[in-house]
Amino acid sequence: MNAGAQPEPFVDAECAARFLAIERRQLLAMARSGAIPAYSASLGSRRRMWRFRLSEIADAMSKRLKKPVGLIEDDMDNRSRQSRSSRKGS
């Protein structure tokens, strides 16, 4: 880091969701699953407060978009199957 340079600030879920143009709930699901980098800012409470760095989210999303299309489709198919099987078990 350069002398005198400020570290990138953390942002809340609302700001990060706006950055990705998605709903806050979708962003939080991505954070919980590890699909995007996130930091839990909670200290012992049951409710987590997530914080994000926009540059890390942008980097993760650009790497994800560079994944070959077939692999992205396989990921989507696997998630769809998992979702259906978890609903059947309920």
PDB file of N, CA and C in Angstrom:
ATOM      1  N   MET A   1       0.852  -1.178   0.000  1.00  0.00           N
ATOM      2  CA  MET A   1       0.000   0.000   0.000  1.00  0.00           C
ATOM      3  C   MET A   1       0.892   1.235   0.000  1.00  0.00           C
ATOM      4  N   ASN A   2       0.472   2.244  -0.724  1.00  0.00           N
ATOM      5  CA  ASN A   2       1.222   3.496  -0.778  1.00  0.00           C
ATOM      6  C   ASN A   2       1.121   4.225   0.548  1.00  0.00           C
ATOM      7  N   ALA A   3       2.181   4.952   0.867  1.00  0.00           N
ATOM      8  CA  ALA A   3       2.156   5.761   2.085  1.00  0.00           C
ATOM      9  C   ALA A   3       1.058   6.804   1.953  1.00  0.00           C
ATOM     10  N   GLY A   4       0.212   6.876   2.958  1.00  0.00           N
ATOM     11  CA  GLY A   4      -0.869   7.849   2.945  1.00  0.00           C
ATOM     12  C   GLY A   4      -2.120   7.374   2.223  1.00  0.00           C
ATOM     13  N   ALA A   5      -2.047   6.243   1.549  1.00  0.00           N
ATOM     14  CA  ALA A   5      -3.226   5.733   0.852  1.00  0.00           C
ATOM     15  C   ALA A   5      -4.201   5.138   1.862  1.00  0.00           C
ATOM     16  N   GLN A   6      -5.461   5.411   1.663  1.00  0.00           N
ATOM     17  CA  GLN A   6      -6.496   4.895   2.549  1.00  0.00           C
ATOM     18  C   GLN A   6      -6.916   3.498   2.087  1.00  0.00           C
ATOM     19  N   PRO A   7      -7.136   2.589   3.033  1.00  0.00           N
ATOM     20  CA  PRO A   7      -7.642   1.275   2.631  1.00  0.00           C
ATOM     21  C   PRO A   7      -9.069   1.411   2.091  1.00  0.00           C
ATOM     22  N   GLU A   8      -9.433   0.494   1.224  1.00  0.00           N
ATOM     23  CA  GLU A   8     -10.794   0.522   0.683  1.00  0.00           C
ATOM     24  C   GLU A   8     -11.796   0.297   1.812  1.00  0.00           C
ATOM     25  N   PRO A   9     -12.817   1.109   1.896  1.00  0.00           N
ATOM     26  CA  PRO A   9     -13.799   0.938   2.975  1.00  0.00           C
ATOM     27  C   PRO A   9     -14.707  -0.263   2.711  1.00  0.00           C
ATOM     28  N   PHE A  10     -15.240  -0.805   3.781  1.00  0.00           N
ATOM     29  CA  PHE A  10     -16.249  -1.843   3.675  1.00  0.00           C
ATOM     30  C   PHE A  10     -17.595  -1.170   3.437  1.00  0.00           C
ATOM     31  N   VAL A  11     -18.486  -1.870   2.735  1.00  0.00           N
ATOM     32  CA  VAL A  11     -19.833  -1.363   2.508  1.00  0.00           C
ATOM     33  C   VAL A  11     -20.835  -2.379   3.047  1.00  0.00           C
ATOM     34  N   ASP A  12     -22.056  -1.922   3.275  1.00  0.00           N
ATOM     35  CA  ASP A  12     -23.088  -2.819   3.780  1.00  0.00           C
ATOM     36  C   ASP A  12     -23.752  -3.577   2.628  1.00  0.00           C
ATOM     37  N   ALA A  13     -24.673  -4.449   2.980  1.00  0.00           N
ATOM     38  CA  ALA A  13     -25.334  -5.298   1.985  1.00  0.00           C
ATOM     39  C   ALA A  13     -26.161  -4.484   0.994  1.00  0.00           C
ATOM     40  N   GLU A  14     -26.792  -3.416   1.453  1.00  0.00           N
ATOM     41  CA  GLU A  14     -27.589  -2.579   0.556  1.00  0.00           C
ATOM     42  C   GLU A  14     -26.731  -2.003  -0.569  1.00  0.00           C
ATOM     43  N   CYS A  15     -25.588  -1.461  -0.192  1.00  0.00           N
ATOM     44  CA  CYS A  15     -24.685  -0.849  -1.174  1.00  0.00           C
ATOM     45  C   CYS A  15     -24.131  -1.902  -2.136  1.00  0.00           C
ATOM     46  N   ALA A  16     -23.719  -3.039  -1.597  1.00  0.00           N
ATOM     47  CA  ALA A  16     -23.173  -4.108  -2.435  1.00  0.00           C
ATOM     48  C   ALA A  16     -24.229  -4.654  -3.391  1.00  0.00           C
ATOM     49  N   ALA A  17     -25.466  -4.774  -2.926  1.00  0.00           N
ATOM     50  CA  ALA A  17     -26.547  -5.260  -3.788  1.00  0.00           C
ATOM     51  C   ALA A  17     -26.820  -4.271  -4.924  1.00  0.00           C
ATOM     52  N   ARG A  18     -26.818  -2.992  -4.611  1.00  0.00           N
ATOM     53  CA  ARG A  18     -26.992  -1.972  -5.663  1.00  0.00           C
ATOM     54  C   ARG A  18     -25.868  -2.058  -6.678  1.00  0.00           C
ATOM     55  N   PHE A  19     -24.650  -2.263  -6.195  1.00  0.00           N
ATOM     56  CA  PHE A  19     -23.481  -2.379  -7.070  1.00  0.00           C
ATOM     57  C   PHE A  19     -23.669  -3.507  -8.085  1.00  0.00           C
ATOM     58  N   LEU A  20     -24.246  -4.638  -7.636  1.00  0.00           N
ATOM     59  CA  LEU A  20     -24.465  -5.787  -8.518  1.00  0.00           C
ATOM     60  C   LEU A  20     -25.826  -5.755  -9.214  1.00  0.00           C
ATOM     61  N   ALA A  21     -26.647  -4.772  -8.867  1.00  0.00           N
ATOM     62  CA  ALA A  21     -27.998  -4.641  -9.431  1.00  0.00           C
ATOM     63  C   ALA A  21     -28.825  -5.893  -9.155  1.00  0.00           C
ATOM     64  N   ILE A  22     -28.766  -6.361  -7.898  1.00  0.00           N
ATOM     65  CA  ILE A  22     -29.557  -7.511  -7.468  1.00  0.00           C
ATOM     66  C   ILE A  22     -30.252  -7.163  -6.154  1.00  0.00           C
ATOM     67  N   GLU A  23     -31.155  -8.021  -5.737  1.00  0.00           N
ATOM     68  CA  GLU A  23     -31.849  -7.829  -4.466  1.00  0.00           C
ATOM     69  C   GLU A  23     -30.906  -8.130  -3.305  1.00  0.00           C
ATOM     70  N   ARG A  24     -31.126  -7.458  -2.200  1.00  0.00           N
ATOM     71  CA  ARG A  24     -30.306  -7.652  -0.994  1.00  0.00           C
ATOM     72  C   ARG A  24     -30.337  -9.114  -0.542  1.00  0.00           C
ATOM     73  N   ARG A  25     -31.509  -9.730  -0.580  1.00  0.00           N
ATOM     74  CA  ARG A  25     -31.637 -11.133  -0.165  1.00  0.00           C
ATOM     75  C   ARG A  25     -30.771 -12.050  -1.024  1.00  0.00           C
ATOM     76  N   GLN A  26     -30.720 -11.784  -2.322  1.00  0.00           N
ATOM     77  CA  GLN A  26     -29.904 -12.589  -3.227  1.00  0.00           C
ATOM     78  C   GLN A  26     -28.419 -12.413  -2.895  1.00  0.00           C
ATOM     79  N   LEU A  27     -28.009 -11.198  -2.620  1.00  0.00           N
ATOM     80  CA  LEU A  27     -26.622 -10.925  -2.247  1.00  0.00           C
ATOM     81  C   LEU A  27     -26.249 -11.684  -0.969  1.00  0.00           C
ATOM     82  N   LEU A  28     -27.126 -11.646   0.036  1.00  0.00           N
ATOM     83  CA  LEU A  28     -26.837 -12.328   1.298  1.00  0.00           C
ATOM     84  C   LEU A  28     -26.762 -13.839   1.108  1.00  0.00           C
ATOM     85  N   ALA A  29     -27.592 -14.381   0.243  1.00  0.00           N
ATOM     86  CA  ALA A  29     -27.515 -15.820  -0.053  1.00  0.00           C
ATOM     87  C   ALA A  29     -26.178 -16.152  -0.710  1.00  0.00           C
ATOM     88  N   MET A  30     -25.722 -15.293  -1.603  1.00  0.00           N
ATOM     89  CA  MET A  30     -24.424 -15.499  -2.257  1.00  0.00           C
ATOM     90  C   MET A  30     -23.294 -15.422  -1.239  1.00  0.00           C
ATOM     91  N   ALA A  31     -23.408 -14.512  -0.285  1.00  0.00           N
ATOM     92  CA  ALA A  31     -22.376 -14.366   0.753  1.00  0.00           C
ATOM     93  C   ALA A  31     -22.333 -15.620   1.630  1.00  0.00           C
ATOM     94  N   ARG A  32     -23.506 -16.098   2.041  1.00  0.00           N
ATOM     95  CA  ARG A  32     -23.556 -17.290   2.895  1.00  0.00           C
ATOM     96  C   ARG A  32     -23.006 -18.522   2.188  1.00  0.00           C
ATOM     97  N   SER A  33     -23.234 -18.623   0.871  1.00  0.00           N
ATOM     98  CA  SER A  33     -22.765 -19.790   0.122  1.00  0.00           C
ATOM     99  C   SER A  33     -21.294 -19.695  -0.265  1.00  0.00           C
ATOM    100  N   GLY A  34     -20.706 -18.510  -0.100  1.00  0.00           N
ATOM    101  CA  GLY A  34     -19.302 -18.327  -0.467  1.00  0.00           C
ATOM    102  C   GLY A  34     -19.096 -17.949  -1.919  1.00  0.00           C
ATOM    103  N   ALA A  35     -20.185 -17.643  -2.634  1.00  0.00           N
ATOM    104  CA  ALA A  35     -20.082 -17.275  -4.048  1.00  0.00           C
ATOM    105  C   ALA A  35     -19.402 -15.923  -4.240  1.00  0.00           C
ATOM    106  N   ILE A  36     -19.501 -15.053  -3.246  1.00  0.00           N
ATOM    107  CA  ILE A  36     -18.821 -13.760  -3.288  1.00  0.00           C
ATOM    108  C   ILE A  36     -18.101 -13.552  -1.962  1.00  0.00           C
ATOM    109  N   PRO A  37     -17.006 -12.813  -1.969  1.00  0.00           N
ATOM    110  CA  PRO A  37     -16.293 -12.562  -0.716  1.00  0.00           C
ATOM    111  C   PRO A  37     -17.101 -11.645   0.194  1.00  0.00           C
ATOM    112  N   ALA A  38     -17.175 -12.028   1.460  1.00  0.00           N
ATOM    113  CA  ALA A  38     -17.934 -11.250   2.441  1.00  0.00           C
ATOM    114  C   ALA A  38     -17.314 -11.451   3.811  1.00  0.00           C
ATOM    115  N   TYR A  39     -17.541 -10.489   4.665  1.00  0.00           N
ATOM    116  CA  TYR A  39     -16.996 -10.524   6.020  1.00  0.00           C
ATOM    117  C   TYR A  39     -18.135 -10.383   7.017  1.00  0.00           C
ATOM    118  N   SER A  40     -18.195 -11.300   7.951  1.00  0.00           N
ATOM    119  CA  SER A  40     -19.205 -11.225   8.993  1.00  0.00           C
ATOM    120  C   SER A  40     -18.706 -10.253  10.060  1.00  0.00           C
ATOM    121  N   ALA A  41     -19.516  -9.248  10.349  1.00  0.00           N
ATOM    122  CA  ALA A  41     -19.121  -8.227  11.320  1.00  0.00           C
ATOM    123  C   ALA A  41     -19.840  -8.418  12.649  1.00  0.00           C
ATOM    124  N   SER A  42     -20.380  -9.597  12.897  1.00  0.00           N
ATOM    125  CA  SER A  42     -21.125  -9.857  14.126  1.00  0.00           C
ATOM    126  C   SER A  42     -20.201 -10.380  15.212  1.00  0.00           C
ATOM    127  N   LEU A  43     -20.527 -10.031  16.424  1.00  0.00           N
ATOM    128  CA  LEU A  43     -19.763 -10.519  17.566  1.00  0.00           C
ATOM    129  C   LEU A  43     -20.694 -11.291  18.493  1.00  0.00           C
ATOM    130  N   GLY A  44     -20.929 -12.551  18.170  1.00  0.00           N
ATOM    131  CA  GLY A  44     -21.690 -13.411  19.059  1.00  0.00           C
ATOM    132  C   GLY A  44     -23.193 -13.361  18.948  1.00  0.00           C
ATOM    133  N   SER A  45     -23.750 -12.473  18.162  1.00  0.00           N
ATOM    134  CA  SER A  45     -25.202 -12.456  18.038  1.00  0.00           C
ATOM    135  C   SER A  45     -25.640 -13.471  16.985  1.00  0.00           C
ATOM    136  N   ARG A  46     -26.882 -13.861  17.031  1.00  0.00           N
ATOM    137  CA  ARG A  46     -27.387 -14.827  16.063  1.00  0.00           C
ATOM    138  C   ARG A  46     -27.530 -14.210  14.684  1.00  0.00           C
ATOM    139  N   ARG A  47     -27.791 -12.934  14.623  1.00  0.00           N
ATOM    140  CA  ARG A  47     -27.972 -12.259  13.337  1.00  0.00           C
ATOM    141  C   ARG A  47     -26.631 -11.727  12.850  1.00  0.00           C
ATOM    142  N   ARG A  48     -26.251 -12.133  11.668  1.00  0.00           N
ATOM    143  CA  ARG A  48     -24.979 -11.682  11.109  1.00  0.00           C
ATOM    144  C   ARG A  48     -25.155 -10.364  10.369  1.00  0.00           C
ATOM    145  N   MET A  49     -24.151  -9.526  10.517  1.00  0.00           N
ATOM    146  CA  MET A  49     -24.070  -8.301   9.725  1.00  0.00           C
ATOM    147  C   MET A  49     -22.914  -8.515   8.756  1.00  0.00           C
ATOM    148  N   TRP A  50     -23.208  -8.510   7.485  1.00  0.00           N
ATOM    149  CA  TRP A  50     -22.195  -8.746   6.474  1.00  0.00           C
ATOM    150  C   TRP A  50     -21.652  -7.426   5.949  1.00  0.00           C
ATOM    151  N   ARG A  51     -20.361  -7.418   5.655  1.00  0.00           N
ATOM    152  CA  ARG A  51     -19.706  -6.267   5.047  1.00  0.00           C
ATOM    153  C   ARG A  51     -18.933  -6.761   3.825  1.00  0.00           C
ATOM    154  N   PHE A  52     -18.791  -5.873   2.860  1.00  0.00           N
ATOM    155  CA  PHE A  52     -18.222  -6.248   1.563  1.00  0.00           C
ATOM    156  C   PHE A  52     -17.249  -5.181   1.095  1.00  0.00           C
ATOM    157  N   ARG A  53     -16.324  -5.591   0.252  1.00  0.00           N
ATOM    158  CA  ARG A  53     -15.462  -4.650  -0.473  1.00  0.00           C
ATOM    159  C   ARG A  53     -15.838  -4.767  -1.946  1.00  0.00           C
ATOM    160  N   LEU A  54     -16.215  -3.652  -2.536  1.00  0.00           N
ATOM    161  CA  LEU A  54     -16.708  -3.671  -3.905  1.00  0.00           C
ATOM    162  C   LEU A  54     -15.666  -4.184  -4.889  1.00  0.00           C
ATOM    163  N   SER A  55     -14.402  -3.873  -4.670  1.00  0.00           N
ATOM    164  CA  SER A  55     -13.360  -4.352  -5.592  1.00  0.00           C
ATOM    165  C   SER A  55     -13.255  -5.874  -5.552  1.00  0.00           C
ATOM    166  N   GLU A  56     -13.440  -6.479  -4.373  1.00  0.00           N
ATOM    167  CA  GLU A  56     -13.383  -7.934  -4.252  1.00  0.00           C
ATOM    168  C   GLU A  56     -14.589  -8.588  -4.927  1.00  0.00           C
ATOM    169  N   ILE A  57     -15.752  -7.952  -4.789  1.00  0.00           N
ATOM    170  CA  ILE A  57     -16.942  -8.473  -5.453  1.00  0.00           C
ATOM    171  C   ILE A  57     -16.772  -8.395  -6.966  1.00  0.00           C
ATOM    172  N   ALA A  58     -16.284  -7.270  -7.464  1.00  0.00           N
ATOM    173  CA  ALA A  58     -16.080  -7.101  -8.901  1.00  0.00           C
ATOM    174  C   ALA A  58     -15.091  -8.134  -9.429  1.00  0.00           C
ATOM    175  N   ASP A  59     -14.018  -8.374  -8.687  1.00  0.00           N
ATOM    176  CA  ASP A  59     -13.022  -9.355  -9.105  1.00  0.00           C
ATOM    177  C   ASP A  59     -13.617 -10.764  -9.136  1.00  0.00           C
ATOM    178  N   ALA A  60     -14.366 -11.120  -8.097  1.00  0.00           N
ATOM    179  CA  ALA A  60     -14.985 -12.447  -8.030  1.00  0.00           C
ATOM    180  C   ALA A  60     -15.985 -12.646  -9.167  1.00  0.00           C
ATOM    181  N   MET A  61     -16.769 -11.625  -9.457  1.00  0.00           N
ATOM    182  CA  MET A  61     -17.763 -11.741 -10.514  1.00  0.00           C
ATOM    183  C   MET A  61     -17.102 -11.817 -11.890  1.00  0.00           C
ATOM    184  N   SER A  62     -16.032 -11.076 -12.096  1.00  0.00           N
ATOM    185  CA  SER A  62     -15.367 -11.138 -13.404  1.00  0.00           C
ATOM    186  C   SER A  62     -14.718 -12.503 -13.605  1.00  0.00           C
ATOM    187  N   LYS A  63     -14.171 -13.093 -12.541  1.00  0.00           N
ATOM    188  CA  LYS A  63     -13.607 -14.446 -12.657  1.00  0.00           C
ATOM    189  C   LYS A  63     -14.708 -15.453 -12.926  1.00  0.00           C
ATOM    190  N   ARG A  64     -15.839 -15.261 -12.295  1.00  0.00           N
ATOM    191  CA  ARG A  64     -16.965 -16.168 -12.477  1.00  0.00           C
ATOM    192  C   ARG A  64     -17.499 -16.086 -13.901  1.00  0.00           C
ATOM    193  N   LEU A  65     -17.519 -14.881 -14.472  1.00  0.00           N
ATOM    194  CA  LEU A  65     -18.019 -14.701 -15.829  1.00  0.00           C
ATOM    195  C   LEU A  65     -17.050 -15.238 -16.880  1.00  0.00           C
ATOM    196  N   LYS A  66     -15.776 -15.377 -16.525  1.00  0.00           N
ATOM    197  CA  LYS A  66     -14.788 -15.905 -17.463  1.00  0.00           C
ATOM    198  C   LYS A  66     -14.794 -17.425 -17.497  1.00  0.00           C
ATOM    199  N   LYS A  67     -15.589 -18.048 -16.627  1.00  0.00           N
ATOM    200  CA  LYS A  67     -15.700 -19.499 -16.579  1.00  0.00           C
ATOM    201  C   LYS A  67     -16.348 -19.979 -17.877  1.00  0.00           C
ATOM    202  N   PRO A  68     -15.886 -21.076 -18.468  1.00  0.00           N
ATOM    203  CA  PRO A  68     -16.505 -21.571 -19.702  1.00  0.00           C
ATOM    204  C   PRO A  68     -18.003 -21.809 -19.513  1.00  0.00           C
ATOM    205  N   VAL A  69     -18.767 -21.492 -20.530  1.00  0.00           N
ATOM    206  CA  VAL A  69     -20.222 -21.535 -20.447  1.00  0.00           C
ATOM    207  C   VAL A  69     -20.735 -22.901 -20.005  1.00  0.00           C
ATOM    208  N   GLY A  70     -20.183 -23.981 -20.507  1.00  0.00           N
ATOM    209  CA  GLY A  70     -20.623 -25.318 -20.124  1.00  0.00           C
ATOM    210  C   GLY A  70     -20.519 -25.544 -18.631  1.00  0.00           C
ATOM    211  N   LEU A  71     -19.457 -25.036 -18.008  1.00  0.00           N
ATOM    212  CA  LEU A  71     -19.282 -25.209 -16.570  1.00  0.00           C
ATOM    213  C   LEU A  71     -20.296 -24.386 -15.792  1.00  0.00           C
ATOM    214  N   ILE A  72     -20.628 -23.203 -16.278  1.00  0.00           N
ATOM    215  CA  ILE A  72     -21.634 -22.379 -15.615  1.00  0.00           C
ATOM    216  C   ILE A  72     -22.987 -23.081 -15.687  1.00  0.00           C
ATOM    217  N   GLU A  73     -23.315 -23.650 -16.854  1.00  0.00           N
ATOM    218  CA  GLU A  73     -24.585 -24.360 -16.999  1.00  0.00           C
ATOM    219  C   GLU A  73     -24.628 -25.576 -16.085  1.00  0.00           C
ATOM    220  N   ASP A  74     -23.509 -26.306 -15.958  1.00  0.00           N
ATOM    221  CA  ASP A  74     -23.448 -27.454 -15.051  1.00  0.00           C
ATOM    222  C   ASP A  74     -23.694 -27.015 -13.616  1.00  0.00           C
ATOM    223  N   ASP A  75     -23.084 -25.900 -13.218  1.00  0.00           N
ATOM    224  CA  ASP A  75     -23.286 -25.363 -11.869  1.00  0.00           C
ATOM    225  C   ASP A  75     -24.762 -25.044 -11.641  1.00  0.00           C
ATOM    226  N   MET A  76     -25.388 -24.415 -12.632  1.00  0.00           N
ATOM    227  CA  MET A  76     -26.794 -24.041 -12.495  1.00  0.00           C
ATOM    228  C   MET A  76     -27.666 -25.293 -12.397  1.00  0.00           C
ATOM    229  N   ASP A  77     -27.373 -26.320 -13.207  1.00  0.00           N
ATOM    230  CA  ASP A  77     -28.137 -27.566 -13.152  1.00  0.00           C
ATOM    231  C   ASP A  77     -28.000 -28.234 -11.795  1.00  0.00           C
ATOM    232  N   ASN A  78     -26.779 -28.261 -11.261  1.00  0.00           N
ATOM    233  CA  ASN A  78     -26.551 -28.875  -9.952  1.00  0.00           C
ATOM    234  C   ASN A  78     -27.306 -28.139  -8.861  1.00  0.00           C
ATOM    235  N   ARG A  79     -27.293 -26.823  -8.896  1.00  0.00           N
ATOM    236  CA  ARG A  79     -28.011 -26.039  -7.879  1.00  0.00           C
ATOM    237  C   ARG A  79     -29.512 -26.269  -7.984  1.00  0.00           C
ATOM    238  N   SER A  80     -30.011 -26.378  -9.224  1.00  0.00           N
ATOM    239  CA  SER A  80     -31.439 -26.609  -9.424  1.00  0.00           C
ATOM    240  C   SER A  80     -31.834 -27.973  -8.854  1.00  0.00           C
ATOM    241  N   ARG A  81     -31.018 -28.990  -9.104  1.00  0.00           N
ATOM    242  CA  ARG A  81     -31.298 -30.327  -8.574  1.00  0.00           C
ATOM    243  C   ARG A  81     -31.267 -30.322  -7.053  1.00  0.00           C
ATOM    244  N   GLN A  82     -30.289 -29.642  -6.473  1.00  0.00           N
ATOM    245  CA  GLN A  82     -30.179 -29.579  -5.015  1.00  0.00           C
ATOM    246  C   GLN A  82     -31.392 -28.881  -4.419  1.00  0.00           C
ATOM    247  N   SER A  83     -31.843 -27.831  -5.064  1.00  0.00           N
ATOM    248  CA  SER A  83     -32.997 -27.081  -4.586  1.00  0.00           C
ATOM    249  C   SER A  83     -34.249 -27.958  -4.616  1.00  0.00           C
ATOM    250  N   ARG A  84     -34.443 -28.696  -5.705  1.00  0.00           N
ATOM    251  CA  ARG A  84     -35.618 -29.577  -5.823  1.00  0.00           C
ATOM    252  C   ARG A  84     -35.579 -30.686  -4.795  1.00  0.00           C
ATOM    253  N   SER A  85     -34.389 -31.272  -4.579  1.00  0.00           N
ATOM    254  CA  SER A  85     -34.303 -32.375  -3.619  1.00  0.00           C
ATOM    255  C   SER A  85     -34.503 -31.894  -2.195  1.00  0.00           C
ATOM    256  N   SER A  86     -34.068 -30.671  -1.880  1.00  0.00           N
ATOM    257  CA  SER A  86     -34.269 -30.156  -0.515  1.00  0.00           C
ATOM    258  C   SER A  86     -35.737 -29.840  -0.279  1.00  0.00           C
ATOM    259  N   ARG A  87     -36.473 -29.435  -1.321  1.00  0.00           N
ATOM    260  CA  ARG A  87     -37.901 -29.163  -1.172  1.00  0.00           C
ATOM    261  C   ARG A  87     -38.682 -30.454  -0.981  1.00  0.00           C
ATOM    262  N   LYS A  88     -38.251 -31.539  -1.644  1.00  0.00           N
ATOM    263  CA  LYS A  88     -38.926 -32.821  -1.497  1.00  0.00           C
ATOM    264  C   LYS A  88     -38.761 -33.367  -0.095  1.00  0.00           C
ATOM    265  N   GLY A  89     -37.604 -33.115   0.505  1.00  0.00           N
ATOM    266  CA  GLY A  89     -37.320 -33.610   1.844  1.00  0.00           C
ATOM    267  C   GLY A  89     -38.053 -32.856   2.945  1.00  0.00           C
ATOM    268  N   SER A  90     -38.613 -31.701   2.610  1.00  0.00           N
ATOM    269  CA  SER A  90     -39.298 -30.869   3.617  1.00  0.00           C
ATOM    270  C   SER A  90     -40.682 -31.372   3.919  1.00  0.00           C
TER     271      SER A  90
END
